[in-house]
N, C-alpha and C. Protein backbone atom coordinates (compact mmCIF):
# COMPACT_ATOMS: atom_id res chain seq x y z
N MET A 1 17.47 -11.75 -9.40
CA MET A 1 16.29 -11.32 -8.52
C MET A 1 16.72 -11.13 -6.83
N GLN A 2 17.82 -11.72 -6.61
CA GLN A 2 18.27 -11.61 -5.33
C GLN A 2 18.36 -10.00 -4.84
N HIS A 3 18.85 -9.23 -5.89
CA HIS A 3 18.81 -7.91 -5.66
C HIS A 3 17.47 -7.40 -5.52
N THR A 4 16.47 -7.83 -6.18
CA THR A 4 15.12 -7.32 -6.07
C THR A 4 14.67 -7.78 -4.66
N SER A 5 14.62 -8.86 -4.09
CA SER A 5 14.43 -9.37 -2.82
C SER A 5 14.96 -8.35 -1.61
N GLU A 6 16.42 -8.08 -1.97
CA GLU A 6 16.90 -7.21 -0.93
C GLU A 6 16.05 -5.71 -0.87
N GLN A 7 16.05 -5.06 -2.17
CA GLN A 7 15.14 -4.06 -2.35
C GLN A 7 13.73 -3.89 -1.84
N TYR A 8 13.16 -4.98 -2.02
CA TYR A 8 11.85 -5.04 -1.43
C TYR A 8 12.11 -5.01 -0.03
N ASP A 9 12.88 -5.85 0.67
CA ASP A 9 13.21 -5.83 2.12
C ASP A 9 13.70 -4.32 2.54
N ALA A 10 14.45 -3.69 2.20
CA ALA A 10 14.64 -2.30 2.56
C ALA A 10 13.31 -1.46 2.41
N VAL A 11 12.65 -1.53 1.06
CA VAL A 11 11.53 -0.59 1.15
C VAL A 11 10.45 -0.90 2.20
N LEU A 12 10.44 -2.15 2.57
CA LEU A 12 9.51 -2.67 3.54
C LEU A 12 9.83 -2.19 4.81
N ARG A 13 11.10 -2.15 5.13
CA ARG A 13 11.67 -1.74 6.63
C ARG A 13 11.09 -0.41 6.89
N ILE A 14 11.29 0.51 5.55
CA ILE A 14 10.91 1.82 6.01
C ILE A 14 9.35 2.10 5.95
N CYS A 15 8.64 1.40 5.37
CA CYS A 15 7.07 1.24 5.33
C CYS A 15 6.92 0.58 6.70
N ARG A 16 7.22 -0.38 7.17
CA ARG A 16 7.07 -0.97 8.41
C ARG A 16 7.30 0.01 9.80
N GLU A 17 8.61 0.79 9.66
CA GLU A 17 8.82 1.54 10.64
C GLU A 17 7.75 2.60 10.82
N LEU A 18 7.32 3.38 9.98
CA LEU A 18 6.39 4.37 9.68
C LEU A 18 4.85 3.65 10.35
N PHE A 19 4.70 2.50 9.82
CA PHE A 19 3.40 1.98 10.34
C PHE A 19 3.54 1.76 12.18
N GLU A 20 4.63 1.02 12.16
CA GLU A 20 4.67 1.04 13.65
C GLU A 20 4.81 2.31 14.44
N LYS A 21 5.32 3.27 13.78
CA LYS A 21 5.47 4.73 14.72
C LYS A 21 4.06 5.15 14.80
N LYS A 22 3.21 5.06 13.59
CA LYS A 22 1.63 5.39 13.75
C LYS A 22 1.00 4.60 14.39
N MET A 23 1.16 3.27 14.68
CA MET A 23 0.43 2.42 15.61
C MET A 23 0.90 3.08 17.09
N GLY A 24 2.04 3.31 17.40
CA GLY A 24 2.42 4.03 18.69
C GLY A 24 1.53 5.42 18.82
N ASP A 25 1.51 6.13 17.96
CA ASP A 25 0.81 7.54 17.93
C ASP A 25 -0.86 7.54 18.01
N TYR A 26 -1.46 6.62 17.15
CA TYR A 26 -2.76 6.34 17.14
C TYR A 26 -3.49 5.24 17.32
N GLY A 27 -2.59 4.17 17.41
CA GLY A 27 -3.28 2.87 17.90
C GLY A 27 -4.04 2.41 16.65
N SER A 28 -4.77 1.31 16.77
CA SER A 28 -5.39 0.59 15.53
C SER A 28 -6.49 1.44 15.31
N ALA A 29 -6.83 2.61 15.38
CA ALA A 29 -7.88 3.33 14.80
C ALA A 29 -8.43 2.99 13.52
N TRP A 30 -7.46 2.73 12.65
CA TRP A 30 -7.76 2.32 11.45
C TRP A 30 -8.52 1.01 11.11
N ARG A 31 -8.43 0.32 12.35
CA ARG A 31 -9.36 -0.79 12.11
C ARG A 31 -11.06 -0.65 12.05
N ILE A 32 -11.39 0.56 12.07
CA ILE A 32 -12.70 0.65 11.97
C ILE A 32 -13.27 1.09 10.47
N LEU A 33 -11.93 1.39 9.67
CA LEU A 33 -12.17 1.59 8.28
C LEU A 33 -13.03 0.41 7.32
N ARG A 34 -13.91 0.62 6.85
CA ARG A 34 -14.22 -0.44 5.79
C ARG A 34 -13.38 -0.35 4.57
N LEU A 35 -13.53 -1.58 3.98
CA LEU A 35 -12.73 -1.54 2.50
C LEU A 35 -12.62 -0.45 1.68
N PRO A 36 -14.01 -0.10 1.19
CA PRO A 36 -13.91 1.28 0.31
C PRO A 36 -13.40 2.30 0.79
N SER A 37 -13.39 2.68 2.11
CA SER A 37 -12.42 3.83 2.59
C SER A 37 -10.95 3.60 2.51
N LEU A 38 -10.52 2.30 2.76
CA LEU A 38 -9.06 2.14 2.46
C LEU A 38 -8.65 2.30 0.85
N THR A 39 -9.72 1.65 0.11
CA THR A 39 -9.48 2.14 -1.41
C THR A 39 -9.40 3.46 -1.70
N ASP A 40 -10.35 4.23 -1.29
CA ASP A 40 -10.19 5.65 -1.38
C ASP A 40 -9.00 6.19 -0.75
N GLN A 41 -8.37 5.81 0.19
CA GLN A 41 -7.33 6.59 0.70
C GLN A 41 -6.07 6.07 -0.22
N ILE A 42 -6.08 5.05 -0.64
CA ILE A 42 -5.08 4.40 -1.55
C ILE A 42 -5.20 5.19 -2.90
N PHE A 43 -6.46 5.42 -3.43
CA PHE A 43 -6.82 6.19 -4.68
C PHE A 43 -6.18 7.84 -4.41
N ILE A 44 -6.44 8.25 -3.27
CA ILE A 44 -5.90 9.65 -3.07
C ILE A 44 -4.19 9.61 -3.04
N LYS A 45 -3.88 8.73 -2.55
CA LYS A 45 -2.32 8.77 -2.42
C LYS A 45 -1.83 8.63 -4.36
N ALA A 46 -2.47 7.77 -4.84
CA ALA A 46 -2.03 7.42 -6.34
C ALA A 46 -2.51 8.90 -7.12
N GLN A 47 -3.49 9.33 -6.88
CA GLN A 47 -4.01 10.69 -7.56
C GLN A 47 -2.62 11.54 -7.32
N ARG A 48 -2.40 11.74 -5.95
CA ARG A 48 -1.45 12.76 -5.45
C ARG A 48 0.16 12.58 -6.32
N ILE A 49 0.18 11.27 -6.48
CA ILE A 49 1.52 10.84 -7.15
C ILE A 49 1.31 11.51 -8.68
N ARG A 50 0.20 11.18 -9.24
CA ARG A 50 0.16 11.47 -10.66
C ARG A 50 0.29 13.01 -10.92
N SER A 51 -0.41 13.85 -9.83
CA SER A 51 -0.41 14.99 -9.81
C SER A 51 1.14 15.66 -9.61
N LEU A 52 1.84 14.97 -8.79
CA LEU A 52 3.39 15.60 -8.42
C LEU A 52 4.05 15.24 -9.96
N GLN A 53 3.62 14.25 -10.47
CA GLN A 53 4.55 13.65 -11.89
C GLN A 53 4.11 14.95 -12.88
N GLU A 54 2.94 15.42 -12.91
CA GLU A 54 2.44 16.35 -14.13
C GLU A 54 2.83 17.64 -13.49
N ASN A 55 2.65 18.19 -12.45
CA ASN A 55 2.85 19.60 -12.22
C ASN A 55 4.29 19.84 -11.74
N GLU A 56 4.66 21.11 -12.02
CA GLU A 56 6.06 21.51 -11.74
C GLU A 56 6.02 22.11 -10.36
N VAL A 57 4.79 22.95 -10.09
CA VAL A 57 4.90 23.73 -8.85
C VAL A 57 4.02 22.87 -7.72
N ARG A 58 4.60 22.79 -6.55
CA ARG A 58 4.32 21.92 -5.49
C ARG A 58 3.85 23.02 -4.32
N LYS A 59 2.53 23.16 -3.73
CA LYS A 59 2.28 23.88 -2.67
C LYS A 59 2.42 22.99 -1.23
N VAL A 60 2.57 21.85 -1.36
CA VAL A 60 2.55 20.99 -0.26
C VAL A 60 4.09 20.26 -0.17
N ASP A 61 4.81 20.16 0.67
CA ASP A 61 6.15 20.01 0.60
C ASP A 61 6.34 18.18 0.91
N GLU A 62 5.77 17.42 -0.04
CA GLU A 62 5.85 15.95 0.25
C GLU A 62 6.16 15.59 -1.42
N ASP A 63 6.99 14.51 -1.25
CA ASP A 63 7.21 13.94 -2.38
C ASP A 63 6.57 12.33 -2.82
N GLU A 64 6.93 11.86 -4.03
CA GLU A 64 6.20 10.92 -4.60
C GLU A 64 6.64 9.64 -3.45
N ARG A 65 7.76 9.76 -2.80
CA ARG A 65 8.29 8.52 -2.03
C ARG A 65 7.37 8.58 -1.19
N SER A 66 6.93 9.56 -0.39
CA SER A 66 6.09 9.19 0.98
C SER A 66 4.86 8.79 0.53
N GLU A 67 4.06 9.35 -0.79
CA GLU A 67 2.93 8.80 -0.94
C GLU A 67 3.00 7.39 -1.29
N PHE A 68 4.14 7.02 -2.08
CA PHE A 68 4.10 5.56 -2.28
C PHE A 68 4.18 4.60 -0.88
N ILE A 69 5.06 5.02 0.10
CA ILE A 69 5.04 4.54 1.36
C ILE A 69 3.64 4.35 1.87
N GLY A 70 2.85 5.32 1.81
CA GLY A 70 1.52 5.37 2.00
C GLY A 70 0.57 4.36 1.29
N ILE A 71 0.64 4.22 0.05
CA ILE A 71 -0.01 3.14 -0.73
C ILE A 71 0.34 1.90 -0.01
N ILE A 72 1.57 1.61 0.09
CA ILE A 72 1.87 0.31 0.64
C ILE A 72 1.35 0.16 1.72
N ASN A 73 1.37 0.93 2.74
CA ASN A 73 0.71 0.70 4.23
C ASN A 73 -0.77 0.52 4.19
N TYR A 74 -1.44 1.45 3.53
CA TYR A 74 -2.75 1.24 3.20
C TYR A 74 -3.16 -0.04 2.89
N ALA A 75 -2.56 -0.59 1.65
CA ALA A 75 -2.60 -1.77 1.08
C ALA A 75 -2.73 -2.87 2.07
N ILE A 76 -1.58 -2.84 2.92
CA ILE A 76 -1.30 -3.81 3.71
C ILE A 76 -2.40 -3.78 4.80
N MET A 77 -3.04 -2.71 5.37
CA MET A 77 -3.88 -2.50 6.11
C MET A 77 -5.33 -3.22 5.45
N ALA A 78 -5.49 -3.06 4.15
CA ALA A 78 -6.62 -3.57 3.44
C ALA A 78 -6.71 -5.03 3.73
N LEU A 79 -5.39 -5.68 3.51
CA LEU A 79 -5.30 -7.27 3.34
C LEU A 79 -5.53 -7.51 4.90
N ILE A 80 -5.41 -6.72 6.02
CA ILE A 80 -5.51 -7.25 7.24
C ILE A 80 -6.87 -6.97 7.50
N GLN A 81 -7.74 -6.31 7.16
CA GLN A 81 -9.10 -5.97 7.16
C GLN A 81 -9.71 -6.89 6.59
N LEU A 82 -9.31 -7.51 5.33
CA LEU A 82 -9.74 -8.64 4.58
C LEU A 82 -9.83 -9.85 5.43
N GLU A 83 -8.63 -9.97 5.97
CA GLU A 83 -8.39 -11.22 6.91
C GLU A 83 -9.28 -11.05 8.25
N LYS A 84 -9.38 -10.16 9.01
CA LYS A 84 -9.78 -9.83 10.22
C LYS A 84 -11.36 -9.52 10.48
N GLY A 85 -11.75 -8.67 9.14
CA GLY A 85 -12.92 -7.90 9.32
C GLY A 85 -12.93 -6.58 10.03
N VAL A 86 -13.81 -5.60 9.62
CA VAL A 86 -13.98 -4.36 10.49
C VAL A 86 -14.29 -4.31 11.76
N VAL A 87 -14.05 -3.61 12.63
CA VAL A 87 -14.36 -3.73 13.86
C VAL A 87 -15.02 -2.18 14.03
N GLU A 88 -15.76 -2.20 15.21
CA GLU A 88 -16.46 -0.75 15.81
C GLU A 88 -15.37 0.12 16.53
N GLN A 89 -14.39 -0.78 17.32
CA GLN A 89 -13.37 0.00 18.23
C GLN A 89 -12.06 -0.65 17.82
N PRO A 90 -11.12 0.12 17.96
CA PRO A 90 -9.51 -0.36 17.80
C PRO A 90 -9.48 -1.45 18.71
N ASP A 91 -8.85 -2.76 18.16
CA ASP A 91 -8.64 -4.07 18.76
C ASP A 91 -7.53 -4.48 18.87
N LEU A 92 -6.21 -3.87 18.04
CA LEU A 92 -5.12 -4.71 18.12
C LEU A 92 -4.05 -3.59 18.79
N SER A 93 -3.50 -4.43 19.30
CA SER A 93 -1.82 -3.70 20.14
C SER A 93 -0.99 -3.74 18.81
N THR A 94 -0.12 -2.73 19.32
CA THR A 94 0.78 -2.44 17.98
C THR A 94 1.53 -3.85 17.79
N LYS A 95 1.93 -4.54 18.68
CA LYS A 95 2.85 -5.82 18.48
C LYS A 95 1.93 -6.92 17.70
N GLU A 96 0.59 -7.03 17.81
CA GLU A 96 -0.49 -7.88 17.12
C GLU A 96 -0.46 -7.28 15.77
N ALA A 97 -0.57 -5.85 15.52
CA ALA A 97 -0.66 -5.39 14.13
C ALA A 97 0.49 -5.44 13.38
N VAL A 98 1.80 -5.21 14.16
CA VAL A 98 2.90 -5.35 13.33
C VAL A 98 3.03 -6.84 12.85
N LEU A 99 2.88 -7.91 13.71
CA LEU A 99 2.69 -9.22 13.29
C LEU A 99 2.02 -9.53 12.09
N LEU A 100 0.72 -9.03 11.97
CA LEU A 100 0.03 -9.34 10.74
C LEU A 100 0.50 -8.42 9.52
N TYR A 101 1.02 -7.28 9.86
CA TYR A 101 1.42 -6.55 8.82
C TYR A 101 2.95 -7.52 8.24
N ASP A 102 3.51 -8.04 8.89
CA ASP A 102 4.94 -8.66 8.53
C ASP A 102 4.12 -10.08 7.75
N THR A 103 3.26 -10.63 8.25
CA THR A 103 2.53 -11.75 7.64
C THR A 103 1.93 -11.37 6.18
N HIS A 104 1.36 -10.37 5.92
CA HIS A 104 0.92 -9.88 4.56
C HIS A 104 1.94 -9.57 3.90
N ALA A 105 2.97 -8.84 4.22
CA ALA A 105 4.15 -8.28 3.64
C ALA A 105 5.00 -9.51 2.84
N ALA A 106 4.97 -10.60 3.92
CA ALA A 106 5.80 -11.66 3.53
C ALA A 106 5.05 -12.38 2.25
N THR A 107 3.72 -12.62 2.43
CA THR A 107 2.69 -12.95 1.27
C THR A 107 3.01 -11.98 0.25
N THR A 108 2.81 -11.02 0.20
CA THR A 108 3.17 -10.11 -0.84
C THR A 108 4.60 -10.25 -1.48
N LYS A 109 5.41 -10.40 -0.69
CA LYS A 109 6.83 -10.60 -1.25
C LYS A 109 6.90 -11.95 -2.06
N ALA A 110 6.21 -13.01 -1.67
CA ALA A 110 6.39 -14.29 -2.22
C ALA A 110 5.87 -14.05 -3.57
N LEU A 111 4.59 -13.33 -3.72
CA LEU A 111 3.82 -13.10 -5.15
C LEU A 111 4.63 -12.55 -5.91
N MET A 112 5.35 -11.43 -5.38
CA MET A 112 6.19 -10.77 -6.27
C MET A 112 7.07 -11.53 -6.98
N GLU A 113 7.81 -12.27 -6.02
CA GLU A 113 9.00 -13.31 -6.52
C GLU A 113 8.73 -14.15 -7.70
N ASN A 114 7.34 -14.77 -7.42
CA ASN A 114 6.65 -15.78 -8.22
C ASN A 114 6.51 -15.05 -9.86
N LYS A 115 5.75 -13.76 -9.53
CA LYS A 115 5.61 -13.07 -10.83
C LYS A 115 6.61 -12.72 -11.45
N ASN A 116 7.69 -12.21 -10.99
CA ASN A 116 9.32 -11.90 -11.30
C ASN A 116 9.84 -12.86 -12.15
N HIS A 117 9.54 -14.31 -11.53
CA HIS A 117 10.01 -15.53 -12.07
C HIS A 117 9.33 -15.62 -13.74
N ASP A 118 8.12 -15.53 -13.59
CA ASP A 118 7.26 -15.84 -14.66
C ASP A 118 7.39 -14.51 -15.72
N TYR A 119 7.59 -13.27 -15.45
CA TYR A 119 7.78 -12.33 -15.99
C TYR A 119 8.93 -11.54 -16.47
N GLY A 120 9.88 -12.24 -15.90
CA GLY A 120 11.52 -11.68 -15.92
C GLY A 120 11.59 -10.32 -15.37
N GLU A 121 10.88 -9.89 -14.54
CA GLU A 121 11.20 -8.42 -13.92
C GLU A 121 10.71 -7.34 -15.12
N ALA A 122 9.93 -7.72 -15.95
CA ALA A 122 9.61 -6.66 -17.00
C ALA A 122 9.48 -5.18 -16.53
N TRP A 123 8.94 -5.35 -15.37
CA TRP A 123 8.28 -4.00 -14.82
C TRP A 123 9.50 -2.96 -14.57
N ARG A 124 10.73 -3.62 -14.52
CA ARG A 124 11.81 -2.76 -14.32
C ARG A 124 12.05 -1.86 -15.62
N ASP A 125 11.32 -2.11 -16.42
CA ASP A 125 11.68 -1.28 -17.90
C ASP A 125 10.62 -0.22 -18.09
N MET A 126 9.60 -0.29 -17.06
CA MET A 126 8.53 0.48 -17.11
C MET A 126 8.93 1.93 -16.59
N ARG A 127 8.17 3.04 -16.90
CA ARG A 127 8.39 4.20 -16.49
C ARG A 127 7.56 4.32 -15.07
N VAL A 128 7.85 5.20 -14.15
CA VAL A 128 7.19 5.38 -12.94
C VAL A 128 6.10 6.05 -13.14
N SER A 129 5.79 6.77 -14.00
CA SER A 129 4.43 7.40 -14.43
C SER A 129 3.36 6.35 -14.98
N SER A 130 3.98 5.12 -15.67
CA SER A 130 3.27 4.02 -16.19
C SER A 130 2.66 3.21 -15.06
N LEU A 131 3.72 2.96 -14.10
CA LEU A 131 3.27 2.28 -12.96
C LEU A 131 2.17 3.14 -12.11
N THR A 132 2.38 4.37 -12.06
CA THR A 132 1.24 5.15 -11.48
C THR A 132 -0.23 4.72 -12.08
N ASP A 133 -0.06 5.08 -13.41
CA ASP A 133 -1.42 4.83 -14.15
C ASP A 133 -2.08 3.40 -14.05
N LEU A 134 -1.26 2.49 -14.23
CA LEU A 134 -1.64 1.36 -13.74
C LEU A 134 -2.40 1.10 -12.27
N ILE A 135 -1.68 1.65 -11.28
CA ILE A 135 -2.00 1.58 -10.12
C ILE A 135 -3.68 2.43 -10.06
N LEU A 136 -3.71 3.31 -10.77
CA LEU A 136 -5.04 4.37 -10.81
C LEU A 136 -6.22 3.25 -11.50
N GLN A 137 -5.59 2.65 -12.63
CA GLN A 137 -6.39 1.96 -13.34
C GLN A 137 -7.37 0.83 -12.44
N LYS A 138 -6.31 -0.03 -11.52
CA LYS A 138 -6.67 -1.14 -10.91
C LYS A 138 -7.61 -0.61 -9.84
N LEU A 139 -7.19 0.61 -9.35
CA LEU A 139 -8.20 1.39 -8.15
C LEU A 139 -9.50 1.40 -8.66
N LEU A 140 -9.46 2.07 -9.84
CA LEU A 140 -10.80 2.41 -10.47
C LEU A 140 -11.58 1.09 -10.67
N ARG A 141 -10.90 -0.08 -11.10
CA ARG A 141 -11.75 -1.48 -11.33
C ARG A 141 -12.18 -1.74 -10.00
N VAL A 142 -11.15 -1.69 -8.78
CA VAL A 142 -11.54 -2.03 -7.53
C VAL A 142 -12.88 -1.41 -6.98
N LYS A 143 -12.65 0.14 -7.13
CA LYS A 143 -13.71 1.06 -6.63
C LYS A 143 -15.09 0.45 -7.55
N GLN A 144 -15.17 0.04 -8.52
CA GLN A 144 -16.33 -0.04 -9.62
C GLN A 144 -16.81 -1.63 -8.86
N ILE A 145 -16.06 -2.71 -8.58
CA ILE A 145 -16.33 -3.82 -8.06
C ILE A 145 -17.05 -3.58 -6.63
N GLU A 146 -16.40 -2.74 -5.77
CA GLU A 146 -17.08 -2.54 -4.78
C GLU A 146 -18.45 -1.76 -4.66
N ASP A 147 -18.46 -0.91 -5.82
CA ASP A 147 -19.91 -0.14 -5.83
C ASP A 147 -20.97 -1.21 -6.26
N ASN A 148 -20.52 -2.17 -7.21
CA ASN A 148 -21.39 -3.33 -7.52
C ASN A 148 -21.59 -4.19 -6.39
N LYS A 149 -21.13 -4.19 -5.16
CA LYS A 149 -21.25 -4.91 -4.09
C LYS A 149 -20.58 -6.28 -4.67
N GLY A 150 -19.55 -6.38 -5.37
CA GLY A 150 -19.19 -7.70 -5.82
C GLY A 150 -17.96 -8.10 -4.87
């Protein structure tokens, strides 16, 4: 499991670097997004991954990797929104946003490690396409809960 922890950290460094760069470019404009908007952004990314997995021809030069990075970053933004609430105007400095990002990334890592302990990293034997389908399924569930005001 040490290998998994190191891999998680390596992926998060890439995601965090992009998050921090975009904070520098756009500030915390994303703070105005309501949770359903973030859910939809994640859904779009997951749909794009599925499309890339199914279609041989690509008209936009992007790969699955960049879409998975987007899913991770939007998911952490959603966790921040759950904690802080939605605002009318951007309100976080890059330093504050990155600190929140790191806090939520650490929480998700701890959850992953606990689940890996209980499940024996069974997810490693799954196809990436199956993981994509599970992400889409869970997003559809979340969208239904949001639509039902749950």
